[in-house]
C-alpha atoms as a PDB file:
ATOM      1  CA  MET A   1       0.000   0.000   0.000  1.00  0.00           C
ATOM      2  CA  SER A   2       1.221   3.493  -0.839  1.00  0.00           C
ATOM      3  CA  ASN A   3       2.091   6.026   1.843  1.00  0.00           C
ATOM      4  CA  LYS A   4       0.941   8.925  -0.338  1.00  0.00           C
ATOM      5  CA  LYS A   5      -1.905  11.014   0.986  1.00  0.00           C
ATOM      6  CA  TYR A   6      -4.518  12.200  -1.458  1.00  0.00           C
ATOM      7  CA  HIS A   7      -6.932  14.985  -0.723  1.00  0.00           C
ATOM      8  CA  ARG A   8      -9.513  16.677  -2.866  1.00  0.00           C
ATOM      9  CA  VAL A   9      -8.795  20.310  -3.660  1.00  0.00           C
ATOM     10  CA  PRO A  10     -11.956  22.467  -3.469  1.00  0.00           C
ATOM     11  CA  LYS A  11     -13.139  23.786  -6.854  1.00  0.00           C
ATOM     12  CA  ASP A  12     -12.683  27.432  -5.873  1.00  0.00           C
ATOM     13  CA  VAL A  13      -9.091  26.801  -4.757  1.00  0.00           C
ATOM     14  CA  LYS A  14      -8.373  24.852  -7.955  1.00  0.00           C
ATOM     15  CA  ALA A  15      -9.859  27.667 -10.058  1.00  0.00           C
ATOM     16  CA  ASP A  16      -7.703  30.233  -8.226  1.00  0.00           C
ATOM     17  CA  ILE A  17      -4.558  28.170  -8.788  1.00  0.00           C
ATOM     18  CA  MET A  18      -5.375  27.717 -12.464  1.00  0.00           C
ATOM     19  CA  LYS A  19      -6.047  31.466 -12.861  1.00  0.00           C
ATOM     20  CA  ARG A  20      -2.709  32.309 -11.271  1.00  0.00           C
ATOM     21  CA  VAL A  21      -0.876  29.931 -13.610  1.00  0.00           C
ATOM     22  CA  LYS A  22      -2.755  30.689 -16.847  1.00  0.00           C
ATOM     23  CA  GLU A  23      -3.517  34.399 -16.528  1.00  0.00           C
ATOM     24  CA  ASP A  24      -1.159  35.850 -13.938  1.00  0.00           C
ATOM     25  CA  GLY A  25       1.958  34.039 -15.154  1.00  0.00           C
ATOM     26  CA  VAL A  26       2.768  32.349 -11.839  1.00  0.00           C
ATOM     27  CA  SER A  27       4.957  29.281 -12.384  1.00  0.00           C
ATOM     28  CA  VAL A  28       3.483  25.865 -11.691  1.00  0.00           C
ATOM     29  CA  SER A  29       6.188  25.181  -9.121  1.00  0.00           C
ATOM     30  CA  GLN A  30       5.423  28.414  -7.247  1.00  0.00           C
ATOM     31  CA  ALA A  31       1.651  27.840  -7.353  1.00  0.00           C
ATOM     32  CA  ALA A  32       2.145  24.276  -6.084  1.00  0.00           C
ATOM     33  CA  LYS A  33       4.399  25.461  -3.283  1.00  0.00           C
ATOM     34  CA  ASP A  34       1.953  28.216  -2.279  1.00  0.00           C
ATOM     35  CA  ALA A  35      -0.998  25.794  -2.228  1.00  0.00           C
ATOM     36  CA  GLY A  36       0.864  22.927  -0.597  1.00  0.00           C
ATOM     37  CA  ILE A  37       0.127  20.494  -3.422  1.00  0.00           C
ATOM     38  CA  SER A  38       2.249  18.674  -5.970  1.00  0.00           C
ATOM     39  CA  GLU A  39       3.262  20.172  -9.287  1.00  0.00           C
ATOM     40  CA  ALA A  40       2.014  16.954 -10.901  1.00  0.00           C
ATOM     41  CA  ALA A  41      -1.513  17.727  -9.712  1.00  0.00           C
ATOM     42  CA  ILE A  42      -1.462  21.137 -11.397  1.00  0.00           C
ATOM     43  CA  TYR A  43       0.010  19.728 -14.599  1.00  0.00           C
ATOM     44  CA  ASP A  44      -2.726  17.080 -14.536  1.00  0.00           C
ATOM     45  CA  TRP A  45      -5.392  19.800 -14.205  1.00  0.00           C
ATOM     46  CA  LEU A  46      -3.836  21.721 -17.087  1.00  0.00           C
ATOM     47  CA  ALA A  47      -3.812  18.607 -19.268  1.00  0.00           C
ATOM     48  CA  LYS A  48      -7.428  17.842 -18.439  1.00  0.00           C
ATOM     49  CA  GLY A  49      -8.585  21.434 -18.851  1.00  0.00           C
ATOM     50  CA  ALA A  50      -9.757  21.617 -15.240  1.00  0.00           C
ATOM     51  CA  THR A  51     -11.281  25.068 -15.628  1.00  0.00           C
ATOM     52  CA  GLY A  52     -13.418  24.129 -18.603  1.00  0.00           C
ATOM     53  CA  SER A  53     -13.862  27.024 -20.995  1.00  0.00           C
ATOM     54  CA  PRO A  54     -11.465  29.972 -20.958  1.00  0.00           C
ATOM     55  CA  SER A  55     -12.259  32.881 -18.683  1.00  0.00           C
ATOM     56  CA  TRP A  56     -13.550  36.129 -20.177  1.00  0.00           C
ATOM     57  CA  ALA A  57     -10.243  37.803 -19.350  1.00  0.00           C
ATOM     58  CA  GLU A  58      -8.336  35.097 -21.204  1.00  0.00           C
ATOM     59  CA  PHE A  59     -10.789  35.284 -24.115  1.00  0.00           C
ATOM     60  CA  ALA A  60     -10.370  39.074 -24.356  1.00  0.00           C
ATOM     61  CA  ARG A  61      -6.577  38.732 -24.209  1.00  0.00           C
ATOM     62  CA  LEU A  62      -6.630  36.169 -27.015  1.00  0.00           C
ATOM     63  CA  GLN A  63      -8.856  38.413 -29.138  1.00  0.00           C
ATOM     64  CA  ARG A  64      -6.446  41.346 -28.709  1.00  0.00           C
ATOM     65  CA  GLU A  65      -3.487  39.119 -29.526  1.00  0.00           C
ATOM     66  CA  ASN A  66      -5.261  37.729 -32.593  1.00  0.00           C
ATOM     67  CA  LYS A  67      -6.067  41.242 -33.861  1.00  0.00           C
ATOM     68  CA  MET A  68      -2.458  42.328 -33.364  1.00  0.00           C
ATOM     69  CA  LEU A  69      -1.162  39.286 -35.256  1.00  0.00           C
ATOM     70  CA  PHE A  70      -3.521  39.946 -38.172  1.00  0.00           C
ATOM     71  CA  GLU A  71      -2.235  43.533 -38.329  1.00  0.00           C
ATOM     72  CA  VAL A  72       1.378  42.327 -38.404  1.00  0.00           C
ATOM     73  CA  VAL A  73       0.598  39.803 -41.142  1.00  0.00           C
ATOM     74  CA  GLY A  74      -1.162  42.543 -43.124  1.00  0.00           C
ATOM     75  CA  GLU A  75       1.812  44.889 -42.838  1.00  0.00           C
ATOM     76  CA  LEU A  76       4.242  42.166 -43.873  1.00  0.00           C
ATOM     77  CA  THR A  77       2.043  41.219 -46.819  1.00  0.00           C
ATOM     78  CA  VAL A  78       2.007  44.839 -48.043  1.00  0.00           C
ATOM     79  CA  LYS A  79       5.793  45.137 -47.647  1.00  0.00           C
ATOM     80  CA  LEU A  80       6.365  41.861 -49.476  1.00  0.00           C
ATOM     81  CA  SER A  81       4.029  42.927 -52.272  1.00  0.00           C
ATOM     82  CA  GLN A  82       5.856  46.266 -52.623  1.00  0.00           C
ATOM     83  CA  ALA A  83       9.233  44.535 -52.652  1.00  0.00           C
ATOM     84  CA  GLN A  84       8.103  42.151 -55.387  1.00  0.00           C
ATOM     85  CA  LYS A  85       6.847  45.053 -57.527  1.00  0.00           C
ATOM     86  CA  LYS A  86      10.257  46.746 -57.314  1.00  0.00           C
ATOM     87  CA  SER A  87      12.037  43.607 -58.543  1.00  0.00           C
END
């Protein structure tokens, strides 16, 4: 029999840990240390998508990032087109 102790982490605590890792940029090792749980547990939650759908803050961040990337691609496309016309 294993000597490991398992305990269920409350949903609100799990959600807070996941928010800190995904949105606030806290490392998994630091979040695990702060919560007194194993890093493996957090990595398992991340792999399983423990929070379900992305938060509104994460969704908004991804939309902004997507818009910025489209603008960069547009600028590069124009520059490439102009460079090809000069050749």
